[in-house]
N, C-alpha and C. Protein backbone atom coordinates (compact mmCIF):
# COMPACT_ATOMS: atom_id res chain seq x y z
N MET A 1 -18.71 -3.30 -60.09
CA MET A 1 -18.85 -2.01 -61.11
C MET A 1 -18.06 -2.18 -62.19
N ASN A 2 -18.61 -1.98 -63.29
CA ASN A 2 -18.00 -1.86 -64.70
C ASN A 2 -17.05 -0.71 -64.56
N GLN A 3 -16.15 -0.84 -65.13
CA GLN A 3 -14.99 0.27 -65.46
C GLN A 3 -14.57 0.34 -67.02
N ALA A 4 -14.67 1.52 -67.58
CA ALA A 4 -14.46 1.76 -69.00
C ALA A 4 -12.98 2.48 -69.14
N ILE A 5 -12.28 1.91 -70.02
CA ILE A 5 -10.81 2.20 -70.30
C ILE A 5 -11.03 2.65 -71.95
N THR A 6 -10.55 3.61 -72.42
CA THR A 6 -10.43 3.61 -73.89
C THR A 6 -9.16 4.31 -74.41
N VAL A 7 -8.57 3.72 -75.62
CA VAL A 7 -7.53 4.50 -75.94
C VAL A 7 -7.84 5.20 -77.36
N GLU A 8 -7.65 6.50 -77.57
CA GLU A 8 -8.10 7.36 -78.56
C GLU A 8 -6.96 7.88 -79.31
N PRO A 9 -6.95 8.07 -80.72
CA PRO A 9 -5.93 9.14 -81.30
C PRO A 9 -5.96 10.33 -80.65
N ARG A 10 -4.91 11.04 -80.99
CA ARG A 10 -4.75 12.75 -80.86
C ARG A 10 -3.78 13.05 -81.82
N VAL A 11 -3.80 14.16 -82.02
CA VAL A 11 -2.72 14.89 -83.35
C VAL A 11 -1.56 14.33 -83.15
N HIS A 12 -0.95 14.25 -82.09
CA HIS A 12 0.60 14.16 -81.82
C HIS A 12 0.72 12.83 -80.90
N GLY A 13 -0.09 12.11 -80.89
CA GLY A 13 0.08 10.68 -80.15
C GLY A 13 -1.40 10.13 -79.82
N TRP A 14 -1.61 9.43 -78.64
CA TRP A 14 -2.73 8.72 -78.18
C TRP A 14 -2.81 8.85 -76.63
N VAL A 15 -4.41 8.82 -76.49
CA VAL A 15 -4.27 8.85 -74.97
C VAL A 15 -5.09 7.68 -74.58
N VAL A 16 -5.06 7.39 -73.19
CA VAL A 16 -5.67 6.69 -72.58
C VAL A 16 -6.54 7.14 -71.49
N LYS A 17 -8.05 7.04 -71.43
CA LYS A 17 -8.98 7.62 -70.64
C LYS A 17 -9.49 6.20 -69.65
N SER A 18 -9.83 6.90 -68.51
CA SER A 18 -10.46 5.79 -67.56
C SER A 18 -11.58 6.26 -66.78
N THR A 19 -12.55 5.69 -66.35
CA THR A 19 -13.67 6.33 -65.52
C THR A 19 -13.27 6.51 -64.53
N PRO A 20 -12.33 5.93 -63.79
CA PRO A 20 -12.14 6.13 -62.00
C PRO A 20 -10.92 7.40 -62.35
N PHE A 21 -10.38 7.56 -63.27
CA PHE A 21 -9.43 8.87 -63.26
C PHE A 21 -9.77 9.99 -63.88
N ASP A 22 -9.64 11.06 -63.43
CA ASP A 22 -9.74 12.43 -64.10
C ASP A 22 -8.69 12.76 -65.27
N ASN A 23 -7.46 12.45 -64.92
CA ASN A 23 -6.47 12.79 -65.99
C ASN A 23 -6.46 11.83 -66.96
N GLU A 24 -6.04 12.15 -68.21
CA GLU A 24 -5.67 11.00 -69.26
C GLU A 24 -4.49 10.95 -69.23
N MET A 25 -3.95 9.99 -69.75
CA MET A 25 -2.39 9.35 -70.02
C MET A 25 -1.84 9.73 -71.45
N PHE A 26 -1.06 10.21 -71.60
CA PHE A 26 -0.44 10.45 -73.20
C PHE A 26 0.53 9.71 -73.38
N PHE A 27 0.48 9.13 -74.81
CA PHE A 27 1.48 8.36 -75.41
C PHE A 27 2.08 8.57 -76.72
N ARG A 28 3.11 8.49 -77.09
CA ARG A 28 3.52 8.82 -78.56
C ARG A 28 3.07 7.96 -79.57
N SER A 29 3.07 6.42 -79.14
CA SER A 29 2.63 5.19 -79.79
C SER A 29 1.41 4.67 -79.65
N GLY A 30 0.80 4.37 -80.38
CA GLY A 30 -0.61 3.47 -80.15
C GLY A 30 -0.20 2.17 -79.31
N GLU A 31 0.90 1.57 -79.86
CA GLU A 31 1.41 0.30 -79.04
C GLU A 31 1.54 0.50 -77.63
N SER A 32 2.11 1.62 -77.24
CA SER A 32 2.51 1.96 -76.01
C SER A 32 0.99 2.10 -74.89
N ALA A 33 0.22 3.02 -75.75
CA ALA A 33 -1.09 3.46 -75.14
C ALA A 33 -1.94 1.80 -75.00
N GLU A 34 -1.94 1.21 -75.82
CA GLU A 34 -2.63 0.02 -75.71
C GLU A 34 -2.09 -1.03 -74.63
N PHE A 35 -0.83 -1.00 -74.80
CA PHE A 35 -0.18 -2.01 -73.45
C PHE A 35 -0.50 -1.14 -72.26
N ALA A 36 -0.45 -0.05 -72.05
CA ALA A 36 -0.75 0.43 -70.80
C ALA A 36 -2.42 0.39 -70.18
N ALA A 37 -3.35 0.41 -71.36
CA ALA A 37 -4.55 0.20 -71.06
C ALA A 37 -4.76 -1.05 -70.51
N ARG A 38 -4.30 -2.01 -71.44
CA ARG A 38 -4.46 -3.38 -71.25
C ARG A 38 -3.92 -3.69 -69.68
N ASP A 39 -2.55 -3.16 -69.36
CA ASP A 39 -1.97 -3.70 -67.98
C ASP A 39 -3.12 -2.88 -66.97
N LEU A 40 -3.74 -1.51 -67.31
CA LEU A 40 -4.73 -1.16 -66.28
C LEU A 40 -5.71 -1.89 -66.02
N GLY A 41 -6.39 -2.27 -67.19
CA GLY A 41 -7.57 -3.34 -66.92
C GLY A 41 -7.28 -4.47 -66.34
N THR A 42 -5.96 -5.27 -66.69
CA THR A 42 -5.89 -6.47 -65.85
C THR A 42 -5.89 -6.23 -64.44
N ARG A 43 -5.15 -4.87 -63.84
CA ARG A 43 -4.90 -4.31 -62.48
C ARG A 43 -6.25 -3.94 -61.76
N MET A 44 -7.11 -3.31 -62.60
CA MET A 44 -8.57 -3.31 -62.28
C MET A 44 -9.35 -4.69 -61.99
N ALA A 45 -9.44 -5.31 -62.96
CA ALA A 45 -10.03 -6.89 -63.12
C ALA A 45 -9.41 -7.55 -61.47
N ARG A 46 -8.18 -7.29 -61.37
CA ARG A 46 -7.72 -8.23 -60.02
C ARG A 46 -8.18 -7.71 -58.73
N ALA A 47 -8.43 -6.31 -58.87
CA ALA A 47 -8.90 -5.58 -57.76
C ALA A 47 -10.44 -5.87 -57.51
N GLY A 48 -11.14 -6.68 -58.59
CA GLY A 48 -12.38 -7.01 -58.45
C GLY A 48 -13.46 -6.36 -59.19
N ASP A 49 -12.78 -5.31 -60.04
CA ASP A 49 -14.02 -4.78 -60.94
C ASP A 49 -14.10 -5.36 -62.19
N SER A 50 -15.12 -5.25 -63.05
CA SER A 50 -15.45 -5.80 -64.34
C SER A 50 -14.88 -4.62 -65.25
N VAL A 51 -14.33 -4.82 -65.96
CA VAL A 51 -13.42 -3.82 -67.03
C VAL A 51 -13.53 -3.96 -68.45
N THR A 52 -13.93 -3.00 -69.21
CA THR A 52 -13.85 -2.90 -70.63
C THR A 52 -12.80 -1.88 -71.22
N VAL A 53 -11.86 -2.56 -72.01
CA VAL A 53 -10.93 -1.62 -72.85
C VAL A 53 -11.40 -1.48 -74.24
N GLU A 54 -11.47 -0.35 -74.84
CA GLU A 54 -11.62 -0.10 -76.38
C GLU A 54 -10.82 0.61 -77.00
N ILE A 55 -10.15 0.07 -77.88
CA ILE A 55 -9.12 0.73 -78.77
C ILE A 55 -9.58 1.23 -80.23
N PHE A 56 -9.55 2.79 -80.23
CA PHE A 56 -9.94 3.28 -81.36
C PHE A 56 -8.88 3.45 -82.55
N LEU A 57 -9.40 3.49 -83.76
CA LEU A 57 -8.18 3.65 -84.96
C LEU A 57 -8.32 5.31 -84.81
N ARG A 58 -7.24 5.85 -85.89
CA ARG A 58 -7.53 7.50 -86.12
C ARG A 58 -8.60 7.86 -86.85
N ASP A 59 -9.21 6.87 -87.75
CA ASP A 59 -10.41 7.09 -88.21
C ASP A 59 -11.81 6.87 -87.45
N GLY A 60 -11.44 6.57 -86.39
CA GLY A 60 -12.64 6.49 -85.31
C GLY A 60 -13.20 5.25 -85.40
N SER A 61 -12.95 4.42 -85.88
CA SER A 61 -13.54 2.88 -85.80
C SER A 61 -12.81 2.07 -84.70
N LEU A 62 -13.48 1.33 -84.24
CA LEU A 62 -12.96 0.57 -83.13
C LEU A 62 -12.06 -0.83 -83.59
N ALA A 63 -10.92 -0.71 -83.10
CA ALA A 63 -9.96 -1.57 -83.61
C ALA A 63 -9.98 -2.95 -82.54
N GLY A 64 -10.48 -2.64 -81.40
CA GLY A 64 -10.41 -3.79 -80.47
C GLY A 64 -11.25 -3.52 -79.23
N ARG A 65 -11.62 -4.66 -78.47
CA ARG A 65 -12.20 -4.55 -77.25
C ARG A 65 -11.92 -5.74 -76.54
N TYR A 66 -11.49 -5.55 -75.25
CA TYR A 66 -10.93 -6.47 -74.32
C TYR A 66 -11.74 -6.39 -73.18
N VAL A 67 -12.11 -7.49 -72.50
CA VAL A 67 -13.34 -7.42 -71.48
C VAL A 67 -13.00 -8.15 -70.37
N TRP A 68 -12.81 -7.75 -69.36
CA TRP A 68 -12.36 -8.94 -67.90
C TRP A 68 -13.41 -8.74 -67.26
N ALA A 69 -14.01 -9.92 -66.61
CA ALA A 69 -14.86 -10.04 -65.74
C ALA A 69 -14.34 -9.93 -64.42
N GLY A 70 -14.91 -8.86 -63.37
CA GLY A 70 -14.39 -8.68 -62.08
C GLY A 70 -14.31 -10.00 -61.10
N ARG A 71 -13.38 -10.04 -60.51
CA ARG A 71 -13.09 -10.98 -59.53
C ARG A 71 -12.24 -10.68 -58.54
N ASP A 72 -12.46 -11.12 -57.34
CA ASP A 72 -11.35 -10.75 -56.30
C ASP A 72 -10.46 -11.82 -56.20
N TRP A 73 -9.21 -11.48 -56.97
CA TRP A 73 -8.34 -12.59 -57.08
C TRP A 73 -7.34 -13.03 -55.88
N ARG A 74 -7.40 -11.99 -54.94
CA ARG A 74 -6.93 -12.27 -53.60
C ARG A 74 -7.42 -13.39 -52.79
N THR A 75 -8.55 -13.68 -53.20
CA THR A 75 -9.39 -14.86 -52.40
C THR A 75 -9.28 -16.13 -53.02
N SER A 76 -8.68 -15.98 -54.23
CA SER A 76 -8.80 -17.53 -54.90
C SER A 76 -7.46 -18.21 -54.94
């Protein structure tokens, strides 16, 4: 299953949203939000999911995209 994680700006910080979770994670810095999103993506990929992380700038443009092909790392 492909999971989507996004990092988006807010007035007073940044949020990380993910398809499997209802709640957003709030961060004061974009750097912290990006690190958390990439870490979450790595963990989901190790659990076997395909993951796409998209990071958006304050102007709405896409700053970066990271993609992990899912595989079960426990059996490798």
